[in-house]
Amino acid sequence: MIVGLTGGIGSGKTTVLNFFKEFQNVAVYIADVEAKILMNSSPIIREKLINSFGEQAFIDQDINRVFLSKIVFNDRQKLQALNAIVHPEVAIHFKNFVNKNKDKVYILYENAILFETKNDRFCDCVITVYAALEERISRIIKRDATSREAILDRMKNQFSDKKKMIQSHYVIDNNSLNYTKEEIHRIHNFLT
C-alpha cells in the first residue's frame, strides 16, 4: 500500500514523517530529498537542466539551487519546465523503491506537491499535514532565514490547504505536537 503524505510549506511534514519513521514496518520515501540527489547524480537530468536553464544551473558538479530558485519561483512556466525534467526521473526512482520495499506494510510517500503533480493517483490514500498560516510562516522564517514575502511567493505555487484537505483521506492538524503524535498513531493503527 502507498500512503501519500503532503502539506503546505512549513506545515510540519518533516516532523510528521519522523514520527512515521519510528514504525519498523513502514518504508519512507521523501520525494524532495530524492529529487535533489537525482538532480546532482542523474546525467539525464543534468543534460536537460543545462539545455533548459544554461550552464549556470550547476556549480562544479552540484546543482545551483540559488540560481534555479530565483528563476522558477518567479516564473510559473519555468517551474513547470523544471518539474517536467525532474519528476519523471523521480517517478522511476520511486517505482524501484516500492519494489525493493514490498515486505513493508505500507510505503509513506512524502511529496509537498503531491496533488499539484497528480502523483496522488499512485497512492491508496493520502494524509495532509495542516498548520495555521502564521505558524507556518514563523516556522519557515526560523528554518530558512528568509523573508515573509519570499515565503508567500513559494506558497503561491502550491495548492491551498483547503484544496489539499478536501482531497485527502486523513488530515493531521500539526499545531500541537502531542496531538500530532496521537493522530499519527491512530492513523498507523488504522492502516495496519
C-alpha atoms as a PDB file:
ATOM      1  CA  MET A   1       0.000   0.000   0.000  1.00  0.00           C
ATOM      2  CA  ILE A   2       1.243   3.504  -0.821  1.00  0.00           C
ATOM      3  CA  VAL A   3       0.253   6.302   1.550  1.00  0.00           C
ATOM      4  CA  GLY A   4       0.823   9.835   0.308  1.00  0.00           C
ATOM      5  CA  LEU A   5       1.918  12.477   2.796  1.00  0.00           C
ATOM      6  CA  THR A   6       1.606  16.106   1.788  1.00  0.00           C
ATOM      7  CA  GLY A   7       1.035  19.568   3.183  1.00  0.00           C
ATOM      8  CA  GLY A   8       1.967  23.148   2.529  1.00  0.00           C
ATOM      9  CA  ILE A   9       5.421  24.551   3.150  1.00  0.00           C
ATOM     10  CA  GLY A  10       6.002  24.918   6.895  1.00  0.00           C
ATOM     11  CA  SER A  11       3.098  22.662   7.852  1.00  0.00           C
ATOM     12  CA  GLY A  12       5.407  20.232   9.641  1.00  0.00           C
ATOM     13  CA  LYS A  13       5.606  17.361   7.172  1.00  0.00           C
ATOM     14  CA  THR A  14       9.144  16.550   8.339  1.00  0.00           C
ATOM     15  CA  THR A  15       8.027  16.314  11.960  1.00  0.00           C
ATOM     16  CA  VAL A  16       5.167  14.012  10.978  1.00  0.00           C
ATOM     17  CA  LEU A  17       7.488  11.994   8.740  1.00  0.00           C
ATOM     18  CA  ASN A  18       9.954  11.483  11.584  1.00  0.00           C
ATOM     19  CA  PHE A  19       7.185  10.061  13.771  1.00  0.00           C
ATOM     20  CA  PHE A  20       6.211   7.646  10.989  1.00  0.00           C
ATOM     21  CA  LYS A  21       9.864   6.580  10.642  1.00  0.00           C
ATOM     22  CA  GLU A  22       9.650   5.140  14.158  1.00  0.00           C
ATOM     23  CA  PHE A  23       7.415   2.340  12.868  1.00  0.00           C
ATOM     24  CA  GLN A  24       9.626  -0.569  11.772  1.00  0.00           C
ATOM     25  CA  ASN A  25       7.074  -1.907   9.293  1.00  0.00           C
ATOM     26  CA  VAL A  26       6.916   1.296   7.205  1.00  0.00           C
ATOM     27  CA  ALA A  27       9.279   2.425   4.439  1.00  0.00           C
ATOM     28  CA  VAL A  28       9.589   6.181   3.920  1.00  0.00           C
ATOM     29  CA  TYR A  29      10.297   7.921   0.620  1.00  0.00           C
ATOM     30  CA  ILE A  30      10.910  11.681   0.639  1.00  0.00           C
ATOM     31  CA  ALA A  31      10.387  12.924  -2.917  1.00  0.00           C
ATOM     32  CA  ASP A  32      12.121  16.282  -2.415  1.00  0.00           C
ATOM     33  CA  VAL A  33      15.262  14.710  -0.921  1.00  0.00           C
ATOM     34  CA  GLU A  34      15.430  12.087  -3.657  1.00  0.00           C
ATOM     35  CA  ALA A  35      14.835  14.752  -6.332  1.00  0.00           C
ATOM     36  CA  LYS A  36      17.786  16.774  -5.013  1.00  0.00           C
ATOM     37  CA  ILE A  37      20.007  13.690  -5.055  1.00  0.00           C
ATOM     38  CA  LEU A  38      18.915  12.830  -8.591  1.00  0.00           C
ATOM     39  CA  MET A  39      19.437  16.422  -9.774  1.00  0.00           C
ATOM     40  CA  ASN A  40      23.088  16.059  -8.772  1.00  0.00           C
ATOM     41  CA  SER A  41      23.616  12.464  -9.877  1.00  0.00           C
ATOM     42  CA  SER A  42      21.483  11.810 -12.959  1.00  0.00           C
ATOM     43  CA  PRO A  43      23.219  12.564 -16.273  1.00  0.00           C
ATOM     44  CA  ILE A  44      19.795  12.727 -17.945  1.00  0.00           C
ATOM     45  CA  ILE A  45      18.546  15.442 -15.583  1.00  0.00           C
ATOM     46  CA  ARG A  46      21.855  17.300 -15.746  1.00  0.00           C
ATOM     47  CA  GLU A  47      21.806  17.488 -19.548  1.00  0.00           C
ATOM     48  CA  LYS A  48      18.168  18.608 -19.662  1.00  0.00           C
ATOM     49  CA  LEU A  49      18.676  21.259 -16.967  1.00  0.00           C
ATOM     50  CA  ILE A  50      21.679  22.721 -18.763  1.00  0.00           C
ATOM     51  CA  ASN A  51      19.754  22.735 -22.046  1.00  0.00           C
ATOM     52  CA  SER A  52      16.794  24.496 -20.408  1.00  0.00           C
ATOM     53  CA  PHE A  53      18.480  26.837 -17.921  1.00  0.00           C
ATOM     54  CA  GLY A  54      22.078  27.159 -19.104  1.00  0.00           C
ATOM     55  CA  GLU A  55      25.462  26.148 -17.698  1.00  0.00           C
ATOM     56  CA  GLN A  56      24.759  28.268 -14.590  1.00  0.00           C
ATOM     57  CA  ALA A  57      22.324  25.567 -13.444  1.00  0.00           C
ATOM     58  CA  PHE A  58      25.390  23.808 -11.984  1.00  0.00           C
ATOM     59  CA  ILE A  59      28.374  24.972  -9.986  1.00  0.00           C
ATOM     60  CA  ASP A  60      31.122  22.413 -10.484  1.00  0.00           C
ATOM     61  CA  GLN A  61      29.190  19.134 -10.210  1.00  0.00           C
ATOM     62  CA  ASP A  62      26.429  20.372  -7.915  1.00  0.00           C
ATOM     63  CA  ILE A  63      23.067  21.870  -8.768  1.00  0.00           C
ATOM     64  CA  ASN A  64      22.984  25.660  -8.328  1.00  0.00           C
ATOM     65  CA  ARG A  65      19.894  25.871  -6.130  1.00  0.00           C
ATOM     66  CA  VAL A  66      20.065  29.621  -5.599  1.00  0.00           C
ATOM     67  CA  PHE A  67      20.189  30.282  -9.342  1.00  0.00           C
ATOM     68  CA  LEU A  68      17.340  27.883 -10.151  1.00  0.00           C
ATOM     69  CA  SER A  69      15.182  29.031  -7.221  1.00  0.00           C
ATOM     70  CA  LYS A  70      15.337  32.653  -8.326  1.00  0.00           C
ATOM     71  CA  ILE A  71      14.161  31.619 -11.782  1.00  0.00           C
ATOM     72  CA  VAL A  72      11.451  29.068 -11.023  1.00  0.00           C
ATOM     73  CA  PHE A  73       9.765  30.690  -8.030  1.00  0.00           C
ATOM     74  CA  ASN A  74       9.158  33.854 -10.045  1.00  0.00           C
ATOM     75  CA  ASP A  75       8.049  32.225 -13.302  1.00  0.00           C
ATOM     76  CA  ARG A  76       5.365  29.528 -13.291  1.00  0.00           C
ATOM     77  CA  GLN A  77       6.335  28.298 -16.783  1.00  0.00           C
ATOM     78  CA  LYS A  78       9.973  27.845 -15.731  1.00  0.00           C
ATOM     79  CA  LEU A  79       8.806  25.955 -12.649  1.00  0.00           C
ATOM     80  CA  GLN A  80       6.720  23.674 -14.868  1.00  0.00           C
ATOM     81  CA  ALA A  81       9.750  23.157 -17.134  1.00  0.00           C
ATOM     82  CA  LEU A  82      11.902  22.189 -14.132  1.00  0.00           C
ATOM     83  CA  ASN A  83       9.225  19.801 -12.848  1.00  0.00           C
ATOM     84  CA  ALA A  84       8.863  18.226 -16.309  1.00  0.00           C
ATOM     85  CA  ILE A  85      12.575  17.423 -16.255  1.00  0.00           C
ATOM     86  CA  VAL A  86      12.905  16.159 -12.681  1.00  0.00           C
ATOM     87  CA  HIS A  87       9.593  14.471 -11.871  1.00  0.00           C
ATOM     88  CA  PRO A  88       9.700  11.661 -14.472  1.00  0.00           C
ATOM     89  CA  GLU A  89      13.101  10.548 -13.152  1.00  0.00           C
ATOM     90  CA  VAL A  90      11.866  10.709  -9.552  1.00  0.00           C
ATOM     91  CA  ALA A  91       8.827   8.612 -10.563  1.00  0.00           C
ATOM     92  CA  ILE A  92      11.118   5.895 -11.951  1.00  0.00           C
ATOM     93  CA  HIS A  93      13.249   6.022  -8.815  1.00  0.00           C
ATOM     94  CA  PHE A  94      10.132   5.765  -6.626  1.00  0.00           C
ATOM     95  CA  LYS A  95       8.857   2.696  -8.509  1.00  0.00           C
ATOM     96  CA  ASN A  96      12.201   0.988  -7.848  1.00  0.00           C
ATOM     97  CA  PHE A  97      11.952   1.955  -4.155  1.00  0.00           C
ATOM     98  CA  VAL A  98       8.472   0.424  -3.916  1.00  0.00           C
ATOM     99  CA  ASN A  99       9.693  -2.814  -5.494  1.00  0.00           C
ATOM    100  CA  LYS A 100      12.576  -3.017  -3.023  1.00  0.00           C
ATOM    101  CA  ASN A 101      10.251  -2.489  -0.039  1.00  0.00           C
ATOM    102  CA  LYS A 102       7.419  -4.916  -0.792  1.00  0.00           C
ATOM    103  CA  ASP A 103       7.921  -6.502   2.620  1.00  0.00           C
ATOM    104  CA  LYS A 104       6.702  -3.351   4.406  1.00  0.00           C
ATOM    105  CA  VAL A 105       3.090  -2.871   5.487  1.00  0.00           C
ATOM    106  CA  TYR A 106       2.985   0.382   3.539  1.00  0.00           C
ATOM    107  CA  ILE A 107       5.205   2.942   1.858  1.00  0.00           C
ATOM    108  CA  LEU A 108       4.893   6.514   3.122  1.00  0.00           C
ATOM    109  CA  TYR A 109       5.438   8.741   0.083  1.00  0.00           C
ATOM    110  CA  GLU A 110       6.125  12.315   1.206  1.00  0.00           C
ATOM    111  CA  ASN A 111       5.640  14.887  -1.531  1.00  0.00           C
ATOM    112  CA  ALA A 112       4.923  18.576  -0.862  1.00  0.00           C
ATOM    113  CA  ILE A 113       3.277  18.941  -4.267  1.00  0.00           C
ATOM    114  CA  LEU A 114       1.566  15.552  -4.398  1.00  0.00           C
ATOM    115  CA  PHE A 115      -1.716  16.880  -5.778  1.00  0.00           C
ATOM    116  CA  GLU A 116      -0.144  19.555  -7.959  1.00  0.00           C
ATOM    117  CA  THR A 117       1.873  16.908  -9.825  1.00  0.00           C
ATOM    118  CA  LYS A 118      -1.054  14.455  -9.835  1.00  0.00           C
ATOM    119  CA  ASN A 119       1.110  11.881  -8.039  1.00  0.00           C
ATOM    120  CA  ASP A 120      -1.761  11.211  -5.657  1.00  0.00           C
ATOM    121  CA  ARG A 121      -3.029   8.842  -8.384  1.00  0.00           C
ATOM    122  CA  PHE A 122      -0.302   6.385  -7.274  1.00  0.00           C
ATOM    123  CA  CYS A 123      -1.480   6.464  -3.652  1.00  0.00           C
ATOM    124  CA  ASP A 124      -4.004   4.222  -1.969  1.00  0.00           C
ATOM    125  CA  CYS A 125      -4.732   7.014   0.494  1.00  0.00           C
ATOM    126  CA  VAL A 126      -3.404  10.488   1.303  1.00  0.00           C
ATOM    127  CA  ILE A 127      -2.595  12.278   4.548  1.00  0.00           C
ATOM    128  CA  THR A 128      -2.394  16.078   4.565  1.00  0.00           C
ATOM    129  CA  VAL A 129      -0.497  17.868   7.314  1.00  0.00           C
ATOM    130  CA  TYR A 130      -2.019  21.204   8.270  1.00  0.00           C
ATOM    131  CA  ALA A 131      -0.879  24.123  10.416  1.00  0.00           C
ATOM    132  CA  ALA A 132      -2.198  27.668  10.716  1.00  0.00           C
ATOM    133  CA  LEU A 133      -0.762  30.124   8.176  1.00  0.00           C
ATOM    134  CA  GLU A 134       1.030  32.387  10.659  1.00  0.00           C
ATOM    135  CA  GLU A 135       2.523  29.358  12.418  1.00  0.00           C
ATOM    136  CA  ARG A 136       3.792  28.077   9.068  1.00  0.00           C
ATOM    137  CA  ILE A 137       5.335  31.429   8.174  1.00  0.00           C
ATOM    138  CA  SER A 138       7.003  31.667  11.589  1.00  0.00           C
ATOM    139  CA  ARG A 139       8.476  28.156  11.220  1.00  0.00           C
ATOM    140  CA  ILE A 140       9.857  28.871   7.756  1.00  0.00           C
ATOM    141  CA  ILE A 141      11.412  32.200   8.772  1.00  0.00           C
ATOM    142  CA  LYS A 142      13.211  30.428  11.643  1.00  0.00           C
ATOM    143  CA  ARG A 143      14.216  27.445   9.496  1.00  0.00           C
ATOM    144  CA  ASP A 144      15.273  29.185   6.284  1.00  0.00           C
ATOM    145  CA  ALA A 145      16.132  32.711   7.480  1.00  0.00           C
ATOM    146  CA  THR A 146      14.020  34.088   4.647  1.00  0.00           C
ATOM    147  CA  SER A 147      11.504  36.891   4.240  1.00  0.00           C
ATOM    148  CA  ARG A 148       7.742  36.734   4.622  1.00  0.00           C
ATOM    149  CA  GLU A 149       7.396  37.893   1.009  1.00  0.00           C
ATOM    150  CA  ALA A 150       9.612  35.069  -0.279  1.00  0.00           C
ATOM    151  CA  ILE A 151       7.572  32.536   1.695  1.00  0.00           C
ATOM    152  CA  LEU A 152       4.271  33.840   0.325  1.00  0.00           C
ATOM    153  CA  ASP A 153       5.719  33.660  -3.210  1.00  0.00           C
ATOM    154  CA  ARG A 154       6.572  29.996  -2.674  1.00  0.00           C
ATOM    155  CA  MET A 155       3.135  29.309  -1.210  1.00  0.00           C
ATOM    156  CA  LYS A 156       1.519  30.660  -4.376  1.00  0.00           C
ATOM    157  CA  ASN A 157       2.969  27.683  -6.272  1.00  0.00           C
ATOM    158  CA  GLN A 158       1.203  25.168  -4.037  1.00  0.00           C
ATOM    159  CA  PHE A 159      -2.468  24.260  -3.757  1.00  0.00           C
ATOM    160  CA  SER A 160      -4.316  25.835  -0.841  1.00  0.00           C
ATOM    161  CA  ASP A 161      -4.628  23.864   2.394  1.00  0.00           C
ATOM    162  CA  LYS A 162      -8.379  23.601   1.834  1.00  0.00           C
ATOM    163  CA  LYS A 163      -7.926  22.097  -1.629  1.00  0.00           C
ATOM    164  CA  LYS A 164      -5.445  19.530  -0.277  1.00  0.00           C
ATOM    165  CA  MET A 165      -7.605  18.630   2.722  1.00  0.00           C
ATOM    166  CA  ILE A 166     -10.726  18.075   0.608  1.00  0.00           C
ATOM    167  CA  GLN A 167      -8.832  15.526  -1.497  1.00  0.00           C
ATOM    168  CA  SER A 168      -7.261  13.719   1.466  1.00  0.00           C
ATOM    169  CA  HIS A 169      -8.355  10.690   3.446  1.00  0.00           C
ATOM    170  CA  TYR A 170      -6.749  11.983   6.659  1.00  0.00           C
ATOM    171  CA  VAL A 171      -5.795  15.449   7.910  1.00  0.00           C
ATOM    172  CA  ILE A 172      -3.298  15.918  10.721  1.00  0.00           C
ATOM    173  CA  ASP A 173      -3.627  19.263  12.498  1.00  0.00           C
ATOM    174  CA  ASN A 174       0.004  19.933  13.390  1.00  0.00           C
ATOM    175  CA  ASN A 175      -0.404  22.857  15.767  1.00  0.00           C
ATOM    176  CA  SER A 176       0.162  20.717  18.887  1.00  0.00           C
ATOM    177  CA  LEU A 177       2.965  18.141  18.965  1.00  0.00           C
ATOM    178  CA  ASN A 178       1.192  15.808  21.418  1.00  0.00           C
ATOM    179  CA  TYR A 179      -1.999  15.813  19.351  1.00  0.00           C
ATOM    180  CA  THR A 180       0.030  15.257  16.170  1.00  0.00           C
ATOM    181  CA  LYS A 181       1.724  12.197  17.622  1.00  0.00           C
ATOM    182  CA  GLU A 182      -1.617  10.767  18.798  1.00  0.00           C
ATOM    183  CA  GLU A 183      -3.097  11.274  15.316  1.00  0.00           C
ATOM    184  CA  ILE A 184      -0.139   9.543  13.672  1.00  0.00           C
ATOM    185  CA  HIS A 185      -0.520   6.507  15.922  1.00  0.00           C
ATOM    186  CA  ARG A 186      -4.271   6.416  15.287  1.00  0.00           C
ATOM    187  CA  ILE A 187      -3.780   6.572  11.503  1.00  0.00           C
ATOM    188  CA  HIS A 188      -0.970   3.999  11.566  1.00  0.00           C
ATOM    189  CA  ASN A 189      -3.102   1.604  13.621  1.00  0.00           C
ATOM    190  CA  PHE A 190      -5.972   2.012  11.191  1.00  0.00           C
ATOM    191  CA  LEU A 191      -3.728   1.466   8.145  1.00  0.00           C
ATOM    192  CA  THR A 192      -2.178  -1.659   9.651  1.00  0.00           C
END
